[in-house]
């Protein structure tokens, strides 16, 4: 699961130009839906994205 989280961001997802108030490119973040025996993970949680 840790590798899935690590790989969910493309290398250039974080932007260096922060003049427009955005720190990352949403299209370069890929979802993870994991249902394990002890852990359930939904990433990214779109309800918590601040625009």
Protein backbone atom coordinates (compact mmCIF):
# COMPACT_ATOMS: atom_id res chain seq x y z
CA UNK A 1 0.00 0.00 0.00
CA UNK A 2 2.90 2.37 0.69
CA UNK A 3 4.22 1.85 -2.83
CA UNK A 4 0.76 2.51 -4.25
CA UNK A 5 0.63 5.83 -2.37
CA UNK A 6 4.13 6.72 -3.54
CA UNK A 7 3.27 5.90 -7.15
CA UNK A 8 -0.06 7.76 -7.11
CA UNK A 9 1.74 11.07 -7.75
CA UNK A 10 3.46 11.66 -11.07
CA UNK A 11 6.96 13.10 -10.79
CA UNK A 12 5.87 16.53 -12.01
CA UNK A 13 2.56 16.70 -10.09
CA UNK A 14 3.88 19.36 -7.72
CA UNK A 15 4.20 22.69 -9.43
CA UNK A 16 7.08 25.06 -8.88
CA UNK A 17 5.07 28.13 -9.97
CA UNK A 18 2.74 28.90 -7.09
CA UNK A 19 1.66 32.34 -8.28
CA UNK A 20 -1.87 31.12 -9.06
CA UNK A 21 -2.39 29.52 -5.62
CA UNK A 22 -2.25 25.90 -6.82
CA UNK A 23 0.49 23.67 -5.54
CA UNK A 24 -0.18 20.58 -7.61
CA UNK A 25 -1.80 19.44 -10.85
CA UNK A 26 -4.92 17.35 -10.02
CA UNK A 27 -4.77 15.39 -13.30
CA UNK A 28 -1.37 14.03 -12.25
CA UNK A 29 -2.68 12.47 -9.04
CA UNK A 30 -4.10 8.98 -9.57
CA UNK A 31 -6.71 7.36 -7.32
CA UNK A 32 -6.12 4.39 -5.06
CA UNK A 33 -9.03 2.24 -3.91
CA UNK A 34 -7.83 -0.47 -1.55
CA UNK A 35 -10.09 -2.75 0.50
CA UNK A 36 -7.94 -4.96 2.68
CA UNK A 37 -8.73 -7.13 5.66
CA UNK A 38 -7.71 -4.43 8.16
CA UNK A 39 -7.25 -1.30 6.08
CA UNK A 40 -9.48 0.59 3.67
CA UNK A 41 -7.93 3.39 1.66
CA UNK A 42 -9.47 5.88 -0.76
CA UNK A 43 -6.88 8.31 -2.09
CA UNK A 44 -7.13 11.12 -2.83
CA UNK A 45 -10.19 11.92 -0.80
CA UNK A 46 -11.84 14.43 -3.16
CA UNK A 47 -14.02 15.76 -0.33
CA UNK A 48 -10.91 17.28 1.26
CA UNK A 49 -9.45 18.97 -1.81
CA UNK A 50 -9.22 22.70 -1.23
CA UNK A 51 -9.50 24.80 -4.35
